[in-house]
Amino acid sequence: FVSRHHALLVRNGNTTFLMDLNSSNGTF
């Protein structure tokens, strides 16, 4: 149910972004 490269988490200071990488089943 998980894509090969599913999501990316990026930190900048105290900020953390979550990005879905066009996964097949989505990120929630």
mmCIF file of all heavy atoms, coordinates in Angstrom:
data_MODEL
# 
_entry.id   MODEL 
# 
loop_
_atom_site.group_PDB 
_atom_site.id 
_atom_site.type_symbol 
_atom_site.label_atom_id 
_atom_site.label_alt_id 
_atom_site.label_comp_id 
_atom_site.label_asym_id 
_atom_site.label_entity_id 
_atom_site.label_seq_id 
_atom_site.pdbx_PDB_ins_code 
_atom_site.Cartn_x 
_atom_site.Cartn_y 
_atom_site.Cartn_z 
_atom_site.occupancy 
_atom_site.B_iso_or_equiv 
_atom_site.pdbx_formal_charge 
_atom_site.auth_seq_id 
_atom_site.auth_comp_id 
_atom_site.auth_asym_id 
_atom_site.auth_atom_id 
_atom_site.pdbx_PDB_model_num 
ATOM 1   N N   . PHE A 1 1  ? 0.806  -1.211 0.000  1.00 0.00 ? 1  PHE A N   1 
ATOM 2   C CA  . PHE A 1 1  ? 0.000  0.000  0.000  1.00 0.00 ? 1  PHE A CA  1 
ATOM 3   C C   . PHE A 1 1  ? 0.847  1.272  0.000  1.00 0.00 ? 1  PHE A C   1 
ATOM 4   O O   . PHE A 1 1  ? 0.316  2.380  -0.026 1.00 0.00 ? 1  PHE A O   1 
ATOM 5   C CB  . PHE A 1 1  ? -0.949 0.017  1.211  1.00 0.00 ? 1  PHE A CB  1 
ATOM 6   C CG  . PHE A 1 1  ? -1.913 -1.124 1.240  1.00 0.00 ? 1  PHE A CG  1 
ATOM 7   C CD1 . PHE A 1 1  ? -1.711 -2.198 2.096  1.00 0.00 ? 1  PHE A CD1 1 
ATOM 8   C CD2 . PHE A 1 1  ? -3.010 -1.140 0.393  1.00 0.00 ? 1  PHE A CD2 1 
ATOM 9   C CE1 . PHE A 1 1  ? -2.594 -3.260 2.126  1.00 0.00 ? 1  PHE A CE1 1 
ATOM 10  C CE2 . PHE A 1 1  ? -3.909 -2.207 0.414  1.00 0.00 ? 1  PHE A CE2 1 
ATOM 11  C CZ  . PHE A 1 1  ? -3.694 -3.271 1.278  1.00 0.00 ? 1  PHE A CZ  1 
ATOM 12  N N   . VAL A 1 2  ? 2.153  1.097  0.037  1.00 0.00 ? 2  VAL A N   1 
ATOM 13  C CA  . VAL A 1 2  ? 3.088  2.213  0.088  1.00 0.00 ? 2  VAL A CA  1 
ATOM 14  C C   . VAL A 1 2  ? 3.869  2.271  -1.217 1.00 0.00 ? 2  VAL A C   1 
ATOM 15  O O   . VAL A 1 2  ? 4.391  1.251  -1.681 1.00 0.00 ? 2  VAL A O   1 
ATOM 16  C CB  . VAL A 1 2  ? 4.046  2.082  1.287  1.00 0.00 ? 2  VAL A CB  1 
ATOM 17  C CG1 . VAL A 1 2  ? 5.033  3.241  1.324  1.00 0.00 ? 2  VAL A CG1 1 
ATOM 18  C CG2 . VAL A 1 2  ? 3.253  2.005  2.590  1.00 0.00 ? 2  VAL A CG2 1 
ATOM 19  N N   . SER A 1 3  ? 3.965  3.463  -1.832 1.00 0.00 ? 3  SER A N   1 
ATOM 20  C CA  . SER A 1 3  ? 4.718  3.630  -3.064 1.00 0.00 ? 3  SER A CA  1 
ATOM 21  C C   . SER A 1 3  ? 6.218  3.563  -2.790 1.00 0.00 ? 3  SER A C   1 
ATOM 22  O O   . SER A 1 3  ? 6.671  3.745  -1.654 1.00 0.00 ? 3  SER A O   1 
ATOM 23  C CB  . SER A 1 3  ? 4.361  4.960  -3.728 1.00 0.00 ? 3  SER A CB  1 
ATOM 24  O OG  . SER A 1 3  ? 2.983  5.017  -4.065 1.00 0.00 ? 3  SER A OG  1 
ATOM 25  N N   . ARG A 1 4  ? 6.996  3.307  -3.854 1.00 0.00 ? 4  ARG A N   1 
ATOM 26  C CA  . ARG A 1 4  ? 8.453  3.200  -3.695 1.00 0.00 ? 4  ARG A CA  1 
ATOM 27  C C   . ARG A 1 4  ? 9.011  4.470  -3.052 1.00 0.00 ? 4  ARG A C   1 
ATOM 28  O O   . ARG A 1 4  ? 9.829  4.409  -2.138 1.00 0.00 ? 4  ARG A O   1 
ATOM 29  C CB  . ARG A 1 4  ? 9.121  2.956  -5.052 1.00 0.00 ? 4  ARG A CB  1 
ATOM 30  C CG  . ARG A 1 4  ? 8.970  1.537  -5.565 1.00 0.00 ? 4  ARG A CG  1 
ATOM 31  C CD  . ARG A 1 4  ? 9.646  1.391  -6.920 1.00 0.00 ? 4  ARG A CD  1 
ATOM 32  N NE  . ARG A 1 4  ? 11.045 1.788  -6.880 1.00 0.00 ? 4  ARG A NE  1 
ATOM 33  C CZ  . ARG A 1 4  ? 12.048 1.022  -6.469 1.00 0.00 ? 4  ARG A CZ  1 
ATOM 34  N NH1 . ARG A 1 4  ? 11.797 -0.206 -6.065 1.00 0.00 ? 4  ARG A NH1 1 
ATOM 35  N NH2 . ARG A 1 4  ? 13.294 1.464  -6.474 1.00 0.00 ? 4  ARG A NH2 1 
ATOM 36  N N   . HIS A 1 5  ? 8.629  5.605  -3.548 1.00 0.00 ? 5  HIS A N   1 
ATOM 37  C CA  . HIS A 1 5  ? 8.976  6.883  -2.946 1.00 0.00 ? 5  HIS A CA  1 
ATOM 38  C C   . HIS A 1 5  ? 7.651  7.596  -2.688 1.00 0.00 ? 5  HIS A C   1 
ATOM 39  O O   . HIS A 1 5  ? 7.076  8.214  -3.573 1.00 0.00 ? 5  HIS A O   1 
ATOM 40  C CB  . HIS A 1 5  ? 9.892  7.705  -3.854 1.00 0.00 ? 5  HIS A CB  1 
ATOM 41  C CG  . HIS A 1 5  ? 11.173 6.996  -4.184 1.00 0.00 ? 5  HIS A CG  1 
ATOM 42  N ND1 . HIS A 1 5  ? 12.120 6.678  -3.231 1.00 0.00 ? 5  HIS A ND1 1 
ATOM 43  C CD2 . HIS A 1 5  ? 11.652 6.528  -5.361 1.00 0.00 ? 5  HIS A CD2 1 
ATOM 44  C CE1 . HIS A 1 5  ? 13.127 6.058  -3.800 1.00 0.00 ? 5  HIS A CE1 1 
ATOM 45  N NE2 . HIS A 1 5  ? 12.879 5.943  -5.089 1.00 0.00 ? 5  HIS A NE2 1 
ATOM 46  N N   . HIS A 1 6  ? 7.182  7.519  -1.473 1.00 0.00 ? 6  HIS A N   1 
ATOM 47  C CA  . HIS A 1 6  ? 5.814  7.891  -1.151 1.00 0.00 ? 6  HIS A CA  1 
ATOM 48  C C   . HIS A 1 6  ? 5.664  9.356  -0.730 1.00 0.00 ? 6  HIS A C   1 
ATOM 49  O O   . HIS A 1 6  ? 4.788  10.067 -1.211 1.00 0.00 ? 6  HIS A O   1 
ATOM 50  C CB  . HIS A 1 6  ? 5.294  6.986  -0.031 1.00 0.00 ? 6  HIS A CB  1 
ATOM 51  C CG  . HIS A 1 6  ? 3.813  6.980  0.108  1.00 0.00 ? 6  HIS A CG  1 
ATOM 52  N ND1 . HIS A 1 6  ? 3.022  5.912  -0.262 1.00 0.00 ? 6  HIS A ND1 1 
ATOM 53  C CD2 . HIS A 1 6  ? 2.954  7.923  0.572  1.00 0.00 ? 6  HIS A CD2 1 
ATOM 54  C CE1 . HIS A 1 6  ? 1.759  6.192  -0.033 1.00 0.00 ? 6  HIS A CE1 1 
ATOM 55  N NE2 . HIS A 1 6  ? 1.684  7.422  0.476  1.00 0.00 ? 6  HIS A NE2 1 
ATOM 56  N N   . ALA A 1 7  ? 6.533  9.799  0.188  1.00 0.00 ? 7  ALA A N   1 
ATOM 57  C CA  . ALA A 1 7  ? 6.405  11.149 0.739  1.00 0.00 ? 7  ALA A CA  1 
ATOM 58  C C   . ALA A 1 7  ? 7.778  11.675 1.147  1.00 0.00 ? 7  ALA A C   1 
ATOM 59  O O   . ALA A 1 7  ? 8.725  10.915 1.358  1.00 0.00 ? 7  ALA A O   1 
ATOM 60  C CB  . ALA A 1 7  ? 5.451  11.166 1.933  1.00 0.00 ? 7  ALA A CB  1 
ATOM 61  N N   . LEU A 1 8  ? 7.852  13.008 1.253  1.00 0.00 ? 8  LEU A N   1 
ATOM 62  C CA  . LEU A 1 8  ? 9.089  13.666 1.643  1.00 0.00 ? 8  LEU A CA  1 
ATOM 63  C C   . LEU A 1 8  ? 8.799  14.624 2.786  1.00 0.00 ? 8  LEU A C   1 
ATOM 64  O O   . LEU A 1 8  ? 7.832  15.390 2.747  1.00 0.00 ? 8  LEU A O   1 
ATOM 65  C CB  . LEU A 1 8  ? 9.687  14.433 0.462  1.00 0.00 ? 8  LEU A CB  1 
ATOM 66  C CG  . LEU A 1 8  ? 10.997 15.198 0.715  1.00 0.00 ? 8  LEU A CG  1 
ATOM 67  C CD1 . LEU A 1 8  ? 12.144 14.227 0.940  1.00 0.00 ? 8  LEU A CD1 1 
ATOM 68  C CD2 . LEU A 1 8  ? 11.304 16.137 -0.456 1.00 0.00 ? 8  LEU A CD2 1 
ATOM 69  N N   . LEU A 1 9  ? 9.626  14.580 3.828  1.00 0.00 ? 9  LEU A N   1 
ATOM 70  C CA  . LEU A 1 9  ? 9.558  15.526 4.923  1.00 0.00 ? 9  LEU A CA  1 
ATOM 71  C C   . LEU A 1 9  ? 10.767 16.443 4.846  1.00 0.00 ? 9  LEU A C   1 
ATOM 72  O O   . LEU A 1 9  ? 11.900 15.981 4.715  1.00 0.00 ? 9  LEU A O   1 
ATOM 73  C CB  . LEU A 1 9  ? 9.528  14.825 6.270  1.00 0.00 ? 9  LEU A CB  1 
ATOM 74  C CG  . LEU A 1 9  ? 8.264  13.993 6.563  1.00 0.00 ? 9  LEU A CG  1 
ATOM 75  C CD1 . LEU A 1 9  ? 8.633  12.520 6.594  1.00 0.00 ? 9  LEU A CD1 1 
ATOM 76  C CD2 . LEU A 1 9  ? 7.641  14.383 7.858  1.00 0.00 ? 9  LEU A CD2 1 
ATOM 77  N N   . VAL A 1 10 ? 10.532 17.760 4.915  1.00 0.00 ? 10 VAL A N   1 
ATOM 78  C CA  . VAL A 1 10 ? 11.604 18.749 4.787  1.00 0.00 ? 10 VAL A CA  1 
ATOM 79  C C   . VAL A 1 10 ? 11.575 19.673 5.995  1.00 0.00 ? 10 VAL A C   1 
ATOM 80  O O   . VAL A 1 10 ? 10.524 20.221 6.354  1.00 0.00 ? 10 VAL A O   1 
ATOM 81  C CB  . VAL A 1 10 ? 11.448 19.565 3.489  1.00 0.00 ? 10 VAL A CB  1 
ATOM 82  C CG1 . VAL A 1 10 ? 12.555 20.609 3.388  1.00 0.00 ? 10 VAL A CG1 1 
ATOM 83  C CG2 . VAL A 1 10 ? 11.471 18.653 2.274  1.00 0.00 ? 10 VAL A CG2 1 
ATOM 84  N N   . ARG A 1 11 ? 12.726 19.859 6.635  1.00 0.00 ? 11 ARG A N   1 
ATOM 85  C CA  . ARG A 1 11 ? 12.855 20.762 7.783  1.00 0.00 ? 11 ARG A CA  1 
ATOM 86  C C   . ARG A 1 11 ? 13.524 22.059 7.371  1.00 0.00 ? 11 ARG A C   1 
ATOM 87  O O   . ARG A 1 11 ? 14.461 22.087 6.576  1.00 0.00 ? 11 ARG A O   1 
ATOM 88  C CB  . ARG A 1 11 ? 13.700 20.122 8.880  1.00 0.00 ? 11 ARG A CB  1 
ATOM 89  C CG  . ARG A 1 11 ? 13.017 19.033 9.675  1.00 0.00 ? 11 ARG A CG  1 
ATOM 90  C CD  . ARG A 1 11 ? 13.878 18.651 10.866 1.00 0.00 ? 11 ARG A CD  1 
ATOM 91  N NE  . ARG A 1 11 ? 13.918 19.736 11.842 1.00 0.00 ? 11 ARG A NE  1 
ATOM 92  C CZ  . ARG A 1 11 ? 14.896 19.878 12.751 1.00 0.00 ? 11 ARG A CZ  1 
ATOM 93  N NH1 . ARG A 1 11 ? 15.908 19.038 12.771 1.00 0.00 ? 11 ARG A NH1 1 
ATOM 94  N NH2 . ARG A 1 11 ? 14.846 20.878 13.609 1.00 0.00 ? 11 ARG A NH2 1 
ATOM 95  N N   . ASN A 1 12 ? 13.026 23.164 7.932  1.00 0.00 ? 12 ASN A N   1 
ATOM 96  C CA  . ASN A 1 12 ? 13.658 24.468 7.793  1.00 0.00 ? 12 ASN A CA  1 
ATOM 97  C C   . ASN A 1 12 ? 13.464 25.205 9.113  1.00 0.00 ? 12 ASN A C   1 
ATOM 98  O O   . ASN A 1 12 ? 12.408 25.745 9.397  1.00 0.00 ? 12 ASN A O   1 
ATOM 99  C CB  . ASN A 1 12 ? 13.060 25.256 6.631  1.00 0.00 ? 12 ASN A CB  1 
ATOM 100 C CG  . ASN A 1 12 ? 13.738 26.598 6.463  1.00 0.00 ? 12 ASN A CG  1 
ATOM 101 O OD1 . ASN A 1 12 ? 14.937 26.713 6.578  1.00 0.00 ? 12 ASN A OD1 1 
ATOM 102 N ND2 . ASN A 1 12 ? 12.974 27.608 6.204  1.00 0.00 ? 12 ASN A ND2 1 
ATOM 103 N N   . GLY A 1 13 ? 14.493 25.213 9.954  1.00 0.00 ? 13 GLY A N   1 
ATOM 104 C CA  . GLY A 1 13 ? 14.349 25.786 11.289 1.00 0.00 ? 13 GLY A CA  1 
ATOM 105 C C   . GLY A 1 13 ? 13.390 24.940 12.111 1.00 0.00 ? 13 GLY A C   1 
ATOM 106 O O   . GLY A 1 13 ? 13.533 23.731 12.237 1.00 0.00 ? 13 GLY A O   1 
ATOM 107 N N   . ASN A 1 14 ? 12.357 25.611 12.653 1.00 0.00 ? 14 ASN A N   1 
ATOM 108 C CA  . ASN A 1 14 ? 11.333 24.913 13.420 1.00 0.00 ? 14 ASN A CA  1 
ATOM 109 C C   . ASN A 1 14 ? 10.125 24.531 12.571 1.00 0.00 ? 14 ASN A C   1 
ATOM 110 O O   . ASN A 1 14 ? 9.069  24.186 13.103 1.00 0.00 ? 14 ASN A O   1 
ATOM 111 C CB  . ASN A 1 14 ? 10.874 25.776 14.605 1.00 0.00 ? 14 ASN A CB  1 
ATOM 112 C CG  . ASN A 1 14 ? 11.939 25.905 15.673 1.00 0.00 ? 14 ASN A CG  1 
ATOM 113 O OD1 . ASN A 1 14 ? 12.783 25.032 15.838 1.00 0.00 ? 14 ASN A OD1 1 
ATOM 114 N ND2 . ASN A 1 14 ? 11.912 27.003 16.410 1.00 0.00 ? 14 ASN A ND2 1 
ATOM 115 N N   . THR A 1 15 ? 10.283 24.603 11.268 1.00 0.00 ? 15 THR A N   1 
ATOM 116 C CA  . THR A 1 15 ? 9.197  24.305 10.351 1.00 0.00 ? 15 THR A CA  1 
ATOM 117 C C   . THR A 1 15 ? 9.445  22.980 9.645  1.00 0.00 ? 15 THR A C   1 
ATOM 118 O O   . THR A 1 15 ? 10.543 22.729 9.161  1.00 0.00 ? 15 THR A O   1 
ATOM 119 C CB  . THR A 1 15 ? 9.048  25.427 9.303  1.00 0.00 ? 15 THR A CB  1 
ATOM 120 O OG1 . THR A 1 15 ? 8.827  26.673 9.960  1.00 0.00 ? 15 THR A OG1 1 
ATOM 121 C CG2 . THR A 1 15 ? 7.885  25.133 8.368  1.00 0.00 ? 15 THR A CG2 1 
ATOM 122 N N   . THR A 1 16 ? 8.438  22.137 9.594  1.00 0.00 ? 16 THR A N   1 
ATOM 123 C CA  . THR A 1 16 ? 8.539  20.858 8.907  1.00 0.00 ? 16 THR A CA  1 
ATOM 124 C C   . THR A 1 16 ? 7.375  20.726 7.926  1.00 0.00 ? 16 THR A C   1 
ATOM 125 O O   . THR A 1 16 ? 6.208  20.793 8.315  1.00 0.00 ? 16 THR A O   1 
ATOM 126 C CB  . THR A 1 16 ? 8.514  19.672 9.886  1.00 0.00 ? 16 THR A CB  1 
ATOM 127 O OG1 . THR A 1 16 ? 9.597  19.803 10.815 1.00 0.00 ? 16 THR A OG1 1 
ATOM 128 C CG2 . THR A 1 16 ? 8.653  18.357 9.140  1.00 0.00 ? 16 THR A CG2 1 
ATOM 129 N N   . PHE A 1 17 ? 7.699  20.550 6.647  1.00 0.00 ? 17 PHE A N   1 
ATOM 130 C CA  . PHE A 1 17 ? 6.708  20.354 5.605  1.00 0.00 ? 17 PHE A CA  1 
ATOM 131 C C   . PHE A 1 17 ? 6.671  18.882 5.200  1.00 0.00 ? 17 PHE A C   1 
ATOM 132 O O   . PHE A 1 17 ? 7.694  18.216 5.110  1.00 0.00 ? 17 PHE A O   1 
ATOM 133 C CB  . PHE A 1 17 ? 7.022  21.194 4.361  1.00 0.00 ? 17 PHE A CB  1 
ATOM 134 C CG  . PHE A 1 17 ? 6.616  22.626 4.471  1.00 0.00 ? 17 PHE A CG  1 
ATOM 135 C CD1 . PHE A 1 17 ? 7.552  23.593 4.760  1.00 0.00 ? 17 PHE A CD1 1 
ATOM 136 C CD2 . PHE A 1 17 ? 5.304  23.012 4.283  1.00 0.00 ? 17 PHE A CD2 1 
ATOM 137 C CE1 . PHE A 1 17 ? 7.195  24.918 4.866  1.00 0.00 ? 17 PHE A CE1 1 
ATOM 138 C CE2 . PHE A 1 17 ? 4.937  24.343 4.383  1.00 0.00 ? 17 PHE A CE2 1 
ATOM 139 C CZ  . PHE A 1 17 ? 5.882  25.297 4.678  1.00 0.00 ? 17 PHE A CZ  1 
ATOM 140 N N   . LEU A 1 18 ? 5.464  18.403 4.957  1.00 0.00 ? 18 LEU A N   1 
ATOM 141 C CA  . LEU A 1 18 ? 5.248  17.072 4.419  1.00 0.00 ? 18 LEU A CA  1 
ATOM 142 C C   . LEU A 1 18 ? 4.744  17.214 2.988  1.00 0.00 ? 18 LEU A C   1 
ATOM 143 O O   . LEU A 1 18 ? 3.807  17.973 2.728  1.00 0.00 ? 18 LEU A O   1 
ATOM 144 C CB  . LEU A 1 18 ? 4.223  16.320 5.269  1.00 0.00 ? 18 LEU A CB  1 
ATOM 145 C CG  . LEU A 1 18 ? 3.683  15.000 4.688  1.00 0.00 ? 18 LEU A CG  1 
ATOM 146 C CD1 . LEU A 1 18 ? 4.768  13.930 4.681  1.00 0.00 ? 18 LEU A CD1 1 
ATOM 147 C CD2 . LEU A 1 18 ? 2.466  14.524 5.479  1.00 0.00 ? 18 LEU A CD2 1 
ATOM 148 N N   . MET A 1 19 ? 5.362  16.476 2.050  1.00 0.00 ? 19 MET A N   1 
ATOM 149 C CA  . MET A 1 19 ? 4.960  16.525 0.655  1.00 0.00 ? 19 MET A CA  1 
ATOM 150 C C   . MET A 1 19 ? 4.706  15.118 0.120  1.00 0.00 ? 19 MET A C   1 
ATOM 151 O O   . MET A 1 19 ? 5.581  14.252 0.202  1.00 0.00 ? 19 MET A O   1 
ATOM 152 C CB  . MET A 1 19 ? 6.046  17.199 -0.200 1.00 0.00 ? 19 MET A CB  1 
ATOM 153 C CG  . MET A 1 19 ? 6.137  18.685 -0.015 1.00 0.00 ? 19 MET A CG  1 
ATOM 154 S SD  . MET A 1 19 ? 7.656  19.367 -0.704 1.00 0.00 ? 19 MET A SD  1 
ATOM 155 C CE  . MET A 1 19 ? 8.759  19.130 0.680  1.00 0.00 ? 19 MET A CE  1 
ATOM 156 N N   . ASP A 1 20 ? 3.508  14.885 -0.377 1.00 0.00 ? 20 ASP A N   1 
ATOM 157 C CA  . ASP A 1 20 ? 3.208  13.631 -1.052 1.00 0.00 ? 20 ASP A CA  1 
ATOM 158 C C   . ASP A 1 20 ? 3.884  13.618 -2.418 1.00 0.00 ? 20 ASP A C   1 
ATOM 159 O O   . ASP A 1 20 ? 3.846  14.607 -3.154 1.00 0.00 ? 20 ASP A O   1 
ATOM 160 C CB  . ASP A 1 20 ? 1.700  13.454 -1.203 1.00 0.00 ? 20 ASP A CB  1 
ATOM 161 C CG  . ASP A 1 20 ? 1.342  12.150 -1.876 1.00 0.00 ? 20 ASP A CG  1 
ATOM 162 O OD1 . ASP A 1 20 ? 1.288  11.119 -1.184 1.00 0.00 ? 20 ASP A OD1 1 
ATOM 163 O OD2 . ASP A 1 20 ? 1.117  12.165 -3.101 1.00 0.00 ? 20 ASP A OD2 1 
ATOM 164 N N   . LEU A 1 21 ? 4.513  12.523 -2.800 1.00 0.00 ? 21 LEU A N   1 
ATOM 165 C CA  . LEU A 1 21 ? 5.262  12.426 -4.045 1.00 0.00 ? 21 LEU A CA  1 
ATOM 166 C C   . LEU A 1 21 ? 4.453  11.683 -5.112 1.00 0.00 ? 21 LEU A C   1 
ATOM 167 O O   . LEU A 1 21 ? 4.940  10.754 -5.754 1.00 0.00 ? 21 LEU A O   1 
ATOM 168 C CB  . LEU A 1 21 ? 6.608  11.736 -3.794 1.00 0.00 ? 21 LEU A CB  1 
ATOM 169 C CG  . LEU A 1 21 ? 7.527  12.429 -2.785 1.00 0.00 ? 21 LEU A CG  1 
ATOM 170 C CD1 . LEU A 1 21 ? 8.806  11.632 -2.590 1.00 0.00 ? 21 LEU A CD1 1 
ATOM 171 C CD2 . LEU A 1 21 ? 7.840  13.850 -3.208 1.00 0.00 ? 21 LEU A CD2 1 
ATOM 172 N N   . ASN A 1 22 ? 3.213  12.146 -5.312 1.00 0.00 ? 22 ASN A N   1 
ATOM 173 C CA  . ASN A 1 22 ? 2.331  11.503 -6.296 1.00 0.00 ? 22 ASN A CA  1 
ATOM 174 C C   . ASN A 1 22 ? 2.169  10.014 -6.014 1.00 0.00 ? 22 ASN A C   1 
ATOM 175 O O   . ASN A 1 22 ? 2.213  9.178  -6.916 1.00 0.00 ? 22 ASN A O   1 
ATOM 176 C CB  . ASN A 1 22 ? 2.828  11.726 -7.727 1.00 0.00 ? 22 ASN A CB  1 
ATOM 177 C CG  . ASN A 1 22 ? 2.273  12.970 -8.359 1.00 0.00 ? 22 ASN A CG  1 
ATOM 178 O OD1 . ASN A 1 22 ? 1.572  13.726 -7.705 1.00 0.00 ? 22 ASN A OD1 1 
ATOM 179 N ND2 . ASN A 1 22 ? 2.578  13.188 -9.602 1.00 0.00 ? 22 ASN A ND2 1 
ATOM 180 N N   . SER A 1 23 ? 2.005  9.665  -4.743 1.00 0.00 ? 23 SER A N   1 
ATOM 181 C CA  . SER A 1 23 ? 1.847  8.273  -4.351 1.00 0.00 ? 23 SER A CA  1 
ATOM 182 C C   . SER A 1 23 ? 0.547  7.696  -4.889 1.00 0.00 ? 23 SER A C   1 
ATOM 183 O O   . SER A 1 23 ? -0.410 8.421  -5.173 1.00 0.00 ? 23 SER A O   1 
ATOM 184 C CB  . SER A 1 23 ? 1.874  8.157  -2.828 1.00 0.00 ? 23 SER A CB  1 
ATOM 185 O OG  . SER A 1 23 ? 0.772  8.852  -2.252 1.00 0.00 ? 23 SER A OG  1 
ATOM 186 N N   . SER A 1 24 ? 0.500  6.386  -5.022 1.00 0.00 ? 24 SER A N   1 
ATOM 187 C CA  . SER A 1 24 ? -0.683 5.715  -5.566 1.00 0.00 ? 24 SER A CA  1 
ATOM 188 C C   . SER A 1 24 ? -1.879 5.794  -4.625 1.00 0.00 ? 24 SER A C   1 
ATOM 189 O O   . SER A 1 24 ? -3.015 5.998  -5.045 1.00 0.00 ? 24 SER A O   1 
ATOM 190 C CB  . SER A 1 24 ? -0.363 4.250  -5.865 1.00 0.00 ? 24 SER A CB  1 
ATOM 191 O OG  . SER A 1 24 ? 0.659  4.135  -6.820 1.00 0.00 ? 24 SER A OG  1 
ATOM 192 N N   . ASN A 1 25 ? -1.639 5.634  -3.333 1.00 0.00 ? 25 ASN A N   1 
ATOM 193 C CA  . ASN A 1 25 ? -2.730 5.574  -2.365 1.00 0.00 ? 25 ASN A CA  1 
ATOM 194 C C   . ASN A 1 25 ? -2.854 6.797  -1.476 1.00 0.00 ? 25 ASN A C   1 
ATOM 195 O O   . ASN A 1 25 ? -3.699 6.832  -0.580 1.00 0.00 ? 25 ASN A O   1 
ATOM 196 C CB  . ASN A 1 25 ? -2.590 4.316  -1.499 1.00 0.00 ? 25 ASN A CB  1 
ATOM 197 C CG  . ASN A 1 25 ? -2.764 3.043  -2.299 1.00 0.00 ? 25 ASN A CG  1 
ATOM 198 O OD1 . ASN A 1 25 ? -3.654 2.952  -3.135 1.00 0.00 ? 25 ASN A OD1 1 
ATOM 199 N ND2 . ASN A 1 25 ? -1.893 2.072  -2.069 1.00 0.00 ? 25 ASN A ND2 1 
ATOM 200 N N   . GLY A 1 26 ? -2.023 7.806  -1.715 1.00 0.00 ? 26 GLY A N   1 
ATOM 201 C CA  . GLY A 1 26 ? -2.170 9.062  -1.015 1.00 0.00 ? 26 GLY A CA  1 
ATOM 202 C C   . GLY A 1 26 ? -1.501 9.103  0.353  1.00 0.00 ? 26 GLY A C   1 
ATOM 203 O O   . GLY A 1 26 ? -1.128 8.076  0.929  1.00 0.00 ? 26 GLY A O   1 
ATOM 204 N N   . THR A 1 27 ? -1.361 10.299 0.863  1.00 0.00 ? 27 THR A N   1 
ATOM 205 C CA  . THR A 1 27 ? -0.805 10.559 2.189  1.00 0.00 ? 27 THR A CA  1 
ATOM 206 C C   . THR A 1 27 ? -1.840 11.343 2.987  1.00 0.00 ? 27 THR A C   1 
ATOM 207 O O   . THR A 1 27 ? -2.437 12.291 2.465  1.00 0.00 ? 27 THR A O   1 
ATOM 208 C CB  . THR A 1 27 ? 0.506  11.356 2.093  1.00 0.00 ? 27 THR A CB  1 
ATOM 209 O OG1 . THR A 1 27 ? 1.460  10.625 1.295  1.00 0.00 ? 27 THR A OG1 1 
ATOM 210 C CG2 . THR A 1 27 ? 1.093  11.612 3.469  1.00 0.00 ? 27 THR A CG2 1 
ATOM 211 N N   . PHE A 1 28 ? -2.033 10.964 4.249  1.00 0.00 ? 28 PHE A N   1 
ATOM 212 C CA  . PHE A 1 28 ? -3.074 11.573 5.075  1.00 0.00 ? 28 PHE A CA  1 
ATOM 213 C C   . PHE A 1 28 ? -2.476 12.108 6.370  1.00 0.00 ? 28 PHE A C   1 
ATOM 214 O O   . PHE A 1 28 ? -1.557 11.511 6.940  1.00 0.00 ? 28 PHE A O   1 
ATOM 215 C CB  . PHE A 1 28 ? -4.177 10.554 5.387  1.00 0.00 ? 28 PHE A CB  1 
ATOM 216 C CG  . PHE A 1 28 ? -4.864 10.021 4.164  1.00 0.00 ? 28 PHE A CG  1 
ATOM 217 C CD1 . PHE A 1 28 ? -4.292 8.992  3.425  1.00 0.00 ? 28 PHE A CD1 1 
ATOM 218 C CD2 . PHE A 1 28 ? -6.066 10.564 3.747  1.00 0.00 ? 28 PHE A CD2 1 
ATOM 219 C CE1 . PHE A 1 28 ? -4.922 8.500  2.281  1.00 0.00 ? 28 PHE A CE1 1 
ATOM 220 C CE2 . PHE A 1 28 ? -6.694 10.075 2.613  1.00 0.00 ? 28 PHE A CE2 1 
ATOM 221 C CZ  . PHE A 1 28 ? -6.125 9.048  1.872  1.00 0.00 ? 28 PHE A CZ  1 
# 
